[in-house]
Amino acid sequence: MSFNLIDYLRKFALMESIRHIYKIGNGPSSSHTMGPHKAATHFAEGAVDAARFRVTLYGSLAATGKGHLTDVAILNVLEPIAPTEIVWYPDIELPYHPNAMKFEALRPDGSVMAEETVYSVGGGDIVRDGEERRRAEDVYGMTTIREILDWCEANGRSYWEYVDTCEGSAIWDYLRQVWLTMKDAVERGIEAEGVLPGGLGVRRKAVSYHVHAAGYAQNLRSRGLVYAYALAVSEENAAGGRIVTAPTCGSCGVVPAVLYHLHTSKQFSEMRILRALATAGLFGNVVKHNASVSGAEVGCQGEVGVACAMAAAAASQLFGGTPAQIEYSAEMGLEHHLGLTCDPVCGLVQIPCIERNAYAAARALDANLYAAFSDGRHSVSFDRVVEVMKQTGHDLPSLYKETARGGLAAIK
């Protein structure tokens, strides 16, 4: 019998695949659009004979669902089958989770032929009423960057090689799909104009930044293009476009902006970009496993802060950083976002989220440059910053976390 290293490693696995950091779907929110879209799709599969549908949204889904295009995500699935009514109950919160929805398939006489209550629990994941939340299959045996860094240095390998060892060759086809989706989002976003949906009257800025960047000298042009690419993807997300969580919808512009800029300006090959994506995903995965990437749990430090760390790690690898320099780059990307609140105006992923993506993309490149001047040795490890981020997030009052009522969210 032949020995399979991947199967052997999975026997001792503790951390899930990076596929769950990079989820492909429509924005602007994994919990408010990706989750409801998935729930509607599953319900529709068993209700193709319905005369009409009724979907009741509760709690947070109802409170900010219109601005987050929750109704659009559901209607896109159910309306082609039968007429669909959306009912909104923002003041009723079901016990299991604030993001709850009830699907009903109705007969011609209005009686219920099938119904199901589903919870959108974050990251695009859903749980049916009465079910336990199931973990995805674990594939990684090491769960801290310190362990993985030691493995890299002992074996003369890099982070992406650890990903390849644990995930197997199939991960590269998936990461190629991720990269193509990211590129498409950038290229759509830098051409699109107009006002974003949601009622805030926010105009798209990516096209303007892209045009203005051409008028500057090389150094400022480079920075302007990074801003433009991050704005492009974040604006696509806000408009309900197809994006990749990296690690969330609200922070989806940072990693694509850095990688697209380096791909086009430095002519890095697709394979090198995919390896950088693997490295970035590994750092994001470690944060998700040991702390959180949810704005509802730890604030925006877990979204934009982690995205900055991921992009910094990716950039450092592309420029030939050692494993220690890559770790340092990611550490700075996260450390300097500690304490960042999640306080979007009107609960929409627009103000200040879109600007934060652009700023974090630039900071990721700065972190890479700073680490490149060093030998990679520094005082505070990436794992320690993850611990601090988790504690800081728990210490933040709910007033300053997702669908917040304080901070910038208090602006009228």
Protein backbone atom coordinates (compact mmCIF):
# COMPACT_ATOMS: atom_id res chain seq x y z
CA MET A 1 0.00 0.00 0.00
CA SER A 2 1.43 3.42 -0.97
CA PHE A 3 2.04 6.05 1.71
CA ASN A 4 -0.10 9.20 1.37
CA LEU A 5 1.47 12.12 3.28
CA ILE A 6 -1.63 14.29 3.07
CA ASP A 7 -3.92 11.60 4.53
CA TYR A 8 -1.36 10.95 7.27
CA LEU A 9 -1.14 14.65 8.22
CA ARG A 10 -4.91 14.99 8.34
CA LYS A 11 -5.11 12.36 11.06
CA PHE A 12 -3.48 14.92 13.33
CA ALA A 13 -5.15 17.99 11.82
CA LEU A 14 -6.44 20.77 14.05
CA MET A 15 -7.12 23.71 11.68
CA GLU A 16 -9.44 23.89 8.68
CA SER A 17 -8.58 24.59 5.04
CA ILE A 18 -7.77 28.07 3.78
CA ARG A 19 -10.73 27.59 1.42
CA HIS A 20 -12.85 28.89 4.30
CA ILE A 21 -10.87 32.13 4.43
CA TYR A 22 -11.34 32.63 0.67
CA LYS A 23 -15.04 32.24 -0.08
CA ILE A 24 -16.34 33.34 -3.46
CA GLY A 25 -19.75 35.00 -3.55
CA ASN A 26 -21.67 38.25 -3.73
CA GLY A 27 -21.24 41.12 -1.29
CA PRO A 28 -21.66 43.22 0.67
CA SER A 29 -21.79 40.89 3.68
CA SER A 30 -21.02 37.20 4.14
CA SER A 31 -23.62 36.98 6.91
CA HIS A 32 -26.25 39.17 5.25
CA THR A 33 -25.93 38.10 1.61
CA MET A 34 -23.81 34.96 1.20
CA GLY A 35 -25.54 33.12 4.05
CA PRO A 36 -29.12 33.99 2.99
CA HIS A 37 -28.30 33.16 -0.65
CA LYS A 38 -27.02 29.73 0.42
CA ALA A 39 -30.05 29.15 2.67
CA ALA A 40 -32.48 30.11 -0.10
CA THR A 41 -30.70 27.80 -2.54
CA HIS A 42 -30.93 24.83 -0.17
CA PHE A 43 -34.61 25.49 0.60
CA ALA A 44 -35.51 25.92 -3.07
CA GLU A 45 -34.10 22.50 -3.94
CA GLY A 46 -36.90 20.84 -1.96
CA ALA A 47 -39.70 23.25 -2.88
CA VAL A 48 -39.72 23.46 -6.68
CA ASP A 49 -43.52 22.94 -6.76
CA ALA A 50 -44.33 25.93 -4.54
CA ALA A 51 -46.96 28.37 -5.81
CA ARG A 52 -45.21 31.17 -3.94
CA PHE A 53 -42.69 31.75 -1.16
CA ARG A 54 -42.71 33.80 2.03
CA VAL A 55 -39.43 34.63 3.76
CA THR A 56 -39.42 36.26 7.19
CA LEU A 57 -36.25 38.01 8.33
CA TYR A 58 -35.56 38.60 12.03
CA GLY A 59 -33.21 40.68 14.16
CA SER A 60 -30.04 41.95 12.52
CA LEU A 61 -30.94 40.51 9.11
CA ALA A 62 -34.13 42.56 9.14
CA ALA A 63 -32.56 45.66 10.72
CA THR A 64 -29.89 46.19 8.06
CA GLY A 65 -30.93 43.68 5.42
CA LYS A 66 -32.16 46.20 2.86
CA GLY A 67 -28.89 48.10 2.84
CA HIS A 68 -26.97 44.82 2.71
CA LEU A 69 -29.09 43.49 -0.20
CA THR A 70 -30.34 40.51 1.83
CA ASP A 71 -33.67 40.63 0.04
CA VAL A 72 -31.93 40.74 -3.36
CA ALA A 73 -29.79 37.70 -2.47
CA ILE A 74 -32.92 35.71 -1.57
CA LEU A 75 -35.12 36.95 -4.41
CA ASN A 76 -32.47 36.11 -7.00
CA VAL A 77 -32.86 32.46 -5.98
CA LEU A 78 -36.59 32.14 -5.28
CA GLU A 79 -38.27 34.57 -7.71
CA PRO A 80 -37.36 32.50 -10.81
CA ILE A 81 -39.31 29.61 -9.22
CA ALA A 82 -42.34 31.45 -7.81
CA PRO A 83 -43.43 34.92 -6.54
CA THR A 84 -41.74 35.69 -3.24
CA GLU A 85 -42.72 37.94 -0.34
CA ILE A 86 -40.14 39.26 2.15
CA VAL A 87 -41.37 40.05 5.67
CA TRP A 88 -39.20 42.18 7.99
CA TYR A 89 -39.17 41.83 11.81
CA PRO A 90 -36.14 43.82 13.07
CA ASP A 91 -37.42 43.93 16.65
CA ILE A 92 -37.81 40.16 17.00
CA GLU A 93 -34.64 38.22 17.71
CA LEU A 94 -34.73 34.42 17.78
CA PRO A 95 -32.83 32.74 20.65
CA TYR A 96 -30.09 30.92 18.72
CA HIS A 97 -28.63 33.80 16.68
CA PRO A 98 -29.57 37.39 15.68
CA ASN A 99 -29.29 36.58 11.96
CA ALA A 100 -32.41 34.42 11.57
CA MET A 101 -34.76 33.75 8.65
CA LYS A 102 -37.82 31.54 8.11
CA PHE A 103 -38.56 30.14 4.66
CA GLU A 104 -42.09 29.02 3.77
CA ALA A 105 -43.23 27.34 0.56
CA LEU A 106 -46.94 27.97 -0.02
CA ARG A 107 -49.65 26.15 -1.98
CA PRO A 108 -52.05 28.03 -4.29
CA ASP A 109 -54.57 28.31 -1.41
CA GLY A 110 -51.94 29.91 0.83
CA SER A 111 -51.36 26.91 3.10
CA VAL A 112 -47.80 25.99 4.03
CA MET A 113 -46.36 22.96 2.25
CA ALA A 114 -42.82 23.28 3.66
CA GLU A 115 -40.99 25.57 6.07
CA GLU A 116 -37.55 25.91 7.59
CA THR A 117 -35.84 28.31 9.99
CA VAL A 118 -32.18 29.00 9.21
CA TYR A 119 -29.48 31.07 10.91
CA SER A 120 -26.70 32.90 9.07
CA VAL A 121 -23.89 32.51 11.58
CA GLY A 122 -21.11 34.41 9.78
CA GLY A 123 -18.59 33.81 7.04
CA GLY A 124 -21.34 32.63 4.71
CA ASP A 125 -22.07 29.62 6.94
CA ILE A 126 -25.63 28.62 7.84
CA VAL A 127 -27.20 26.43 10.53
CA ARG A 128 -30.71 24.98 10.29
CA ASP A 129 -32.92 25.23 13.35
CA GLY A 130 -32.28 22.26 15.63
CA GLU A 131 -28.89 21.42 14.12
CA GLU A 132 -25.47 21.83 15.69
CA ARG A 133 -22.94 24.03 13.93
CA ARG A 134 -20.54 21.68 12.16
CA ARG A 135 -16.83 22.38 11.75
CA ALA A 136 -15.29 22.02 8.36
CA GLU A 137 -12.73 19.27 7.81
CA ASP A 138 -9.41 20.08 9.46
CA VAL A 139 -6.27 19.75 7.35
CA TYR A 140 -3.50 21.55 9.30
CA GLY A 141 -1.65 20.00 12.22
CA MET A 142 0.05 23.26 13.27
CA THR A 143 -2.09 26.15 14.47
CA THR A 144 0.41 28.93 15.27
CA ILE A 145 2.78 30.84 13.04
CA ARG A 146 5.63 30.06 15.47
CA GLU A 147 5.22 26.33 14.85
CA ILE A 148 4.94 26.80 11.10
CA LEU A 149 7.91 29.21 11.01
CA ASP A 150 10.04 26.67 12.88
CA TRP A 151 8.98 23.97 10.39
CA CYS A 152 9.87 26.24 7.46
CA GLU A 153 13.31 27.07 8.83
CA ALA A 154 14.09 23.47 9.83
CA ASN A 155 13.14 22.15 6.40
CA GLY A 156 14.28 25.02 4.18
CA ARG A 157 10.70 25.59 3.06
CA SER A 158 8.30 28.53 2.82
CA TYR A 159 4.77 29.01 4.10
CA TRP A 160 3.13 28.18 0.79
CA GLU A 161 4.96 24.85 0.79
CA TYR A 162 3.37 24.02 4.14
CA VAL A 163 -0.01 24.82 2.59
CA ASP A 164 0.79 22.51 -0.33
CA THR A 165 1.92 19.75 2.04
CA CYS A 166 -1.30 19.87 4.07
CA GLU A 167 -3.89 20.77 1.44
CA GLY A 168 -2.62 18.80 -1.54
CA SER A 169 -2.44 19.83 -5.19
CA ALA A 170 -6.19 20.54 -5.48
CA ILE A 171 -5.72 23.78 -3.53
CA TRP A 172 -3.95 25.38 -6.50
CA ASP A 173 -6.99 25.05 -8.78
CA TYR A 174 -9.11 26.64 -6.08
CA LEU A 175 -6.64 29.48 -5.51
CA ARG A 176 -6.56 30.09 -9.27
CA GLN A 177 -10.34 30.54 -9.17
CA VAL A 178 -9.92 32.91 -6.20
CA TRP A 179 -7.31 34.95 -8.07
CA LEU A 180 -9.40 35.22 -11.23
CA THR A 181 -12.40 36.37 -9.17
CA MET A 182 -10.24 38.98 -7.43
CA LYS A 183 -8.86 40.24 -10.75
CA ASP A 184 -12.33 40.48 -12.25
CA ALA A 185 -13.55 42.48 -9.25
CA VAL A 186 -10.66 44.96 -9.61
CA GLU A 187 -11.19 45.37 -13.34
CA ARG A 188 -14.97 45.78 -13.06
CA GLY A 189 -14.59 48.20 -10.19
CA ILE A 190 -12.13 50.58 -11.86
CA GLU A 191 -14.56 50.98 -14.78
CA ALA A 192 -17.83 51.35 -12.81
CA GLU A 193 -19.32 54.71 -11.90
CA GLY A 194 -22.38 55.98 -10.05
CA VAL A 195 -23.84 55.88 -6.55
CA LEU A 196 -23.65 52.79 -4.35
CA PRO A 197 -26.95 51.30 -3.13
CA GLY A 198 -28.08 51.68 0.47
CA GLY A 199 -29.28 55.27 0.78
CA LEU A 200 -26.06 56.99 1.93
CA GLY A 201 -25.43 58.51 -1.49
CA VAL A 202 -21.81 57.30 -1.59
CA ARG A 203 -20.33 57.72 -5.06
CA ARG A 204 -17.82 55.27 -6.47
CA LYS A 205 -14.29 56.71 -6.38
CA ALA A 206 -12.12 53.96 -7.87
CA VAL A 207 -12.39 55.23 -11.44
CA SER A 208 -11.38 58.75 -10.34
CA TYR A 209 -8.38 57.51 -8.33
CA HIS A 210 -7.31 55.31 -11.23
CA VAL A 211 -7.41 58.21 -13.68
CA HIS A 212 -5.71 60.68 -11.34
CA ALA A 213 -2.90 58.24 -10.52
CA ALA A 214 -1.66 58.45 -14.12
CA GLY A 215 -0.84 62.14 -13.67
CA TYR A 216 1.69 61.64 -10.90
CA ALA A 217 5.34 60.63 -10.83
CA GLN A 218 6.09 56.93 -10.40
CA ASN A 219 6.16 56.78 -6.61
CA LEU A 220 2.85 58.59 -6.10
CA ARG A 221 1.33 56.86 -9.13
CA SER A 222 2.06 53.51 -7.52
CA ARG A 223 0.33 54.51 -4.29
CA GLY A 224 -2.64 55.97 -6.18
CA LEU A 225 -3.11 52.76 -8.14
CA VAL A 226 -3.12 50.68 -4.94
CA TYR A 227 -5.82 52.97 -3.56
CA ALA A 228 -7.79 52.65 -6.79
CA TYR A 229 -7.66 48.84 -6.82
CA ALA A 230 -8.73 48.55 -3.19
CA LEU A 231 -11.57 51.02 -3.74
CA ALA A 232 -12.61 49.13 -6.86
CA VAL A 233 -13.09 45.80 -5.08
CA SER A 234 -14.65 47.33 -1.96
CA GLU A 235 -17.12 49.28 -4.09
CA GLU A 236 -17.99 46.14 -6.04
CA ASN A 237 -18.64 44.46 -2.71
CA ALA A 238 -20.87 47.32 -1.53
CA ALA A 239 -22.85 47.08 -4.78
CA GLY A 240 -23.43 43.34 -4.34
CA GLY A 241 -20.82 42.29 -6.90
CA ARG A 242 -18.93 39.01 -6.96
CA ILE A 243 -15.91 39.09 -4.66
CA VAL A 244 -13.73 36.88 -2.45
CA THR A 245 -13.76 37.11 1.33
CA ALA A 246 -10.18 37.86 2.40
CA PRO A 247 -10.90 37.26 5.21
CA THR A 248 -14.36 38.92 5.10
CA CYS A 249 -16.57 40.82 2.67
CA GLY A 250 -15.97 44.07 4.52
CA SER A 251 -12.20 43.70 4.09
CA CYS A 252 -12.22 42.09 0.65
CA GLY A 253 -10.38 44.92 -1.12
CA VAL A 254 -7.00 44.78 0.64
CA VAL A 255 -5.42 41.54 -0.59
CA PRO A 256 -6.63 41.90 -4.23
CA ALA A 257 -5.35 45.48 -4.38
CA VAL A 258 -1.84 44.53 -3.29
CA LEU A 259 -1.62 41.42 -5.47
CA TYR A 260 -3.14 43.04 -8.56
CA HIS A 261 -0.77 45.99 -8.25
CA LEU A 262 2.30 43.77 -7.90
CA HIS A 263 1.12 41.45 -10.67
CA THR A 264 0.68 44.31 -13.15
CA SER A 265 3.56 46.59 -12.10
CA LYS A 266 6.23 43.99 -11.30
CA GLN A 267 5.10 41.26 -13.73
CA PHE A 268 4.98 38.56 -11.08
CA SER A 269 3.73 35.35 -12.68
CA GLU A 270 0.36 33.82 -11.88
CA MET A 271 1.97 30.91 -10.04
CA ARG A 272 3.87 33.27 -7.76
CA ILE A 273 0.65 35.16 -7.07
CA LEU A 274 -1.07 31.89 -6.16
CA ARG A 275 1.75 31.02 -3.76
CA ALA A 276 1.40 34.47 -2.19
CA LEU A 277 -2.35 33.82 -1.82
CA ALA A 278 -1.57 30.53 -0.06
CA THR A 279 0.75 32.30 2.37
CA ALA A 280 -1.78 35.07 3.01
CA GLY A 281 -4.52 32.52 3.57
CA LEU A 282 -2.40 30.64 6.10
CA PHE A 283 -1.87 33.78 8.20
CA GLY A 284 -5.58 34.63 8.03
CA ASN A 285 -6.45 31.06 8.96
CA VAL A 286 -4.26 31.17 12.07
CA VAL A 287 -6.08 34.31 13.24
CA LYS A 288 -9.48 32.77 12.52
CA HIS A 289 -8.55 29.58 14.41
CA ASN A 290 -7.00 31.26 17.47
CA ALA A 291 -9.09 34.42 17.68
CA SER A 292 -11.67 35.70 15.16
CA VAL A 293 -12.07 37.52 11.85
CA SER A 294 -15.62 38.63 12.69
CA GLY A 295 -16.38 42.31 13.18
CA ALA A 296 -19.26 41.26 15.44
CA GLU A 297 -16.82 39.54 17.81
CA VAL A 298 -13.60 41.58 17.72
CA GLY A 299 -14.30 44.73 15.72
CA CYS A 300 -12.68 45.86 12.49
CA GLN A 301 -9.21 44.86 13.73
CA GLY A 302 -10.32 41.31 12.91
CA GLU A 303 -11.43 42.28 9.42
CA VAL A 304 -9.31 45.07 7.92
CA GLY A 305 -6.47 44.44 10.39
CA VAL A 306 -6.23 40.78 9.43
CA ALA A 307 -6.59 41.63 5.73
CA CYS A 308 -3.64 44.01 6.07
CA ALA A 309 -1.58 41.27 7.73
CA MET A 310 -2.47 38.80 4.98
CA ALA A 311 -1.58 41.27 2.23
CA ALA A 312 1.68 42.22 3.96
CA ALA A 313 2.68 38.54 4.19
CA ALA A 314 1.82 38.02 0.52
CA ALA A 315 3.85 41.05 -0.58
CA SER A 316 6.82 40.04 1.55
CA GLN A 317 6.88 36.60 -0.01
CA LEU A 318 6.62 38.00 -3.54
CA PHE A 319 9.65 40.21 -2.88
CA GLY A 320 11.71 37.27 -1.62
CA GLY A 321 11.28 37.72 2.12
CA THR A 322 12.55 35.02 4.44
CA PRO A 323 9.96 33.20 6.60
CA ALA A 324 10.99 35.45 9.51
CA GLN A 325 10.60 38.63 7.44
CA ILE A 326 7.20 37.46 6.17
CA GLU A 327 6.09 36.86 9.77
CA TYR A 328 7.35 40.32 10.79
CA SER A 329 5.55 41.97 7.90
CA ALA A 330 2.25 40.29 8.84
CA GLU A 331 2.77 41.13 12.52
CA MET A 332 3.07 44.83 11.73
CA GLY A 333 0.02 44.73 9.49
CA LEU A 334 -2.10 43.43 12.35
CA GLU A 335 -0.42 45.18 15.30
CA HIS A 336 -1.01 48.65 13.93
CA HIS A 337 -4.73 48.00 13.56
CA LEU A 338 -5.23 46.87 17.16
CA GLY A 339 -8.31 48.41 18.74
CA LEU A 340 -9.96 49.33 15.45
CA THR A 341 -13.71 49.49 15.96
CA CYS A 342 -16.37 48.14 13.62
CA ASP A 343 -18.73 51.12 13.44
CA PRO A 344 -20.18 51.46 9.92
CA VAL A 345 -22.59 54.32 9.33
CA CYS A 346 -26.16 52.95 9.10
CA GLY A 347 -24.69 49.44 9.37
CA LEU A 348 -23.65 49.51 5.71
CA VAL A 349 -20.26 48.26 4.47
CA GLN A 350 -19.43 51.69 3.02
CA ILE A 351 -18.42 54.41 5.51
CA PRO A 352 -15.67 54.04 6.75
CA CYS A 353 -15.13 50.49 5.45
CA ILE A 354 -14.26 51.33 1.83
CA GLU A 355 -11.62 53.92 2.74
CA ARG A 356 -10.18 51.59 5.37
CA ASN A 357 -9.54 48.96 2.69
CA ALA A 358 -7.56 51.45 0.59
CA TYR A 359 -5.53 52.68 3.54
CA ALA A 360 -4.80 49.14 4.76
CA ALA A 361 -3.58 48.08 1.31
CA ALA A 362 -1.02 50.89 1.40
CA ARG A 363 -0.02 49.98 4.96
CA ALA A 364 0.52 46.38 3.89
CA LEU A 365 3.08 47.49 1.32
CA ASP A 366 4.74 49.70 3.95
CA ALA A 367 4.92 46.75 6.37
CA ASN A 368 6.60 44.65 3.69
CA LEU A 369 9.16 47.39 3.00
CA TYR A 370 9.89 47.91 6.69
CA ALA A 371 10.41 44.17 7.24
CA ALA A 372 12.59 43.90 4.13
CA PHE A 373 15.10 46.33 5.71
CA SER A 374 15.34 44.08 8.78
CA ASP A 375 16.68 40.59 9.45
CA GLY A 376 13.21 39.52 10.57
CA ARG A 377 14.00 39.61 14.30
CA HIS A 378 11.62 41.67 16.43
CA SER A 379 10.13 41.79 19.93
CA VAL A 380 6.43 40.98 19.50
CA SER A 381 5.47 37.86 17.58
CA PHE A 382 2.52 37.52 15.23
CA ASP A 383 0.95 34.93 17.54
CA ARG A 384 1.21 37.31 20.50
CA VAL A 385 -0.52 40.06 18.53
CA VAL A 386 -3.32 37.60 17.68
CA GLU A 387 -3.78 36.93 21.40
CA VAL A 388 -3.87 40.67 22.14
CA MET A 389 -6.33 41.27 19.30
CA LYS A 390 -8.67 38.62 20.68
CA GLN A 391 -8.57 40.10 24.18
CA THR A 392 -8.95 43.64 22.86
CA GLY A 393 -11.97 42.55 20.84
CA HIS A 394 -13.61 40.98 23.87
CA ASP A 395 -12.92 44.16 25.87
CA LEU A 396 -14.54 46.36 23.24
CA PRO A 397 -18.12 47.24 24.20
CA SER A 398 -20.76 45.95 21.76
CA LEU A 399 -21.40 49.63 21.05
CA TYR A 400 -18.26 49.54 18.89
CA LYS A 401 -18.75 46.23 17.09
CA GLU A 402 -20.72 45.11 14.03
CA THR A 403 -24.01 46.95 13.41
CA ALA A 404 -22.64 49.35 16.02
CA ARG A 405 -24.47 52.25 17.61
CA GLY A 406 -21.34 54.12 18.73
CA GLY A 407 -18.30 55.69 17.10
CA LEU A 408 -18.79 56.70 13.49
CA ALA A 409 -22.08 54.78 13.44
CA ALA A 410 -23.55 57.46 15.70
CA ILE A 411 -23.14 60.07 12.95
CA LYS A 412 -26.53 61.15 11.64
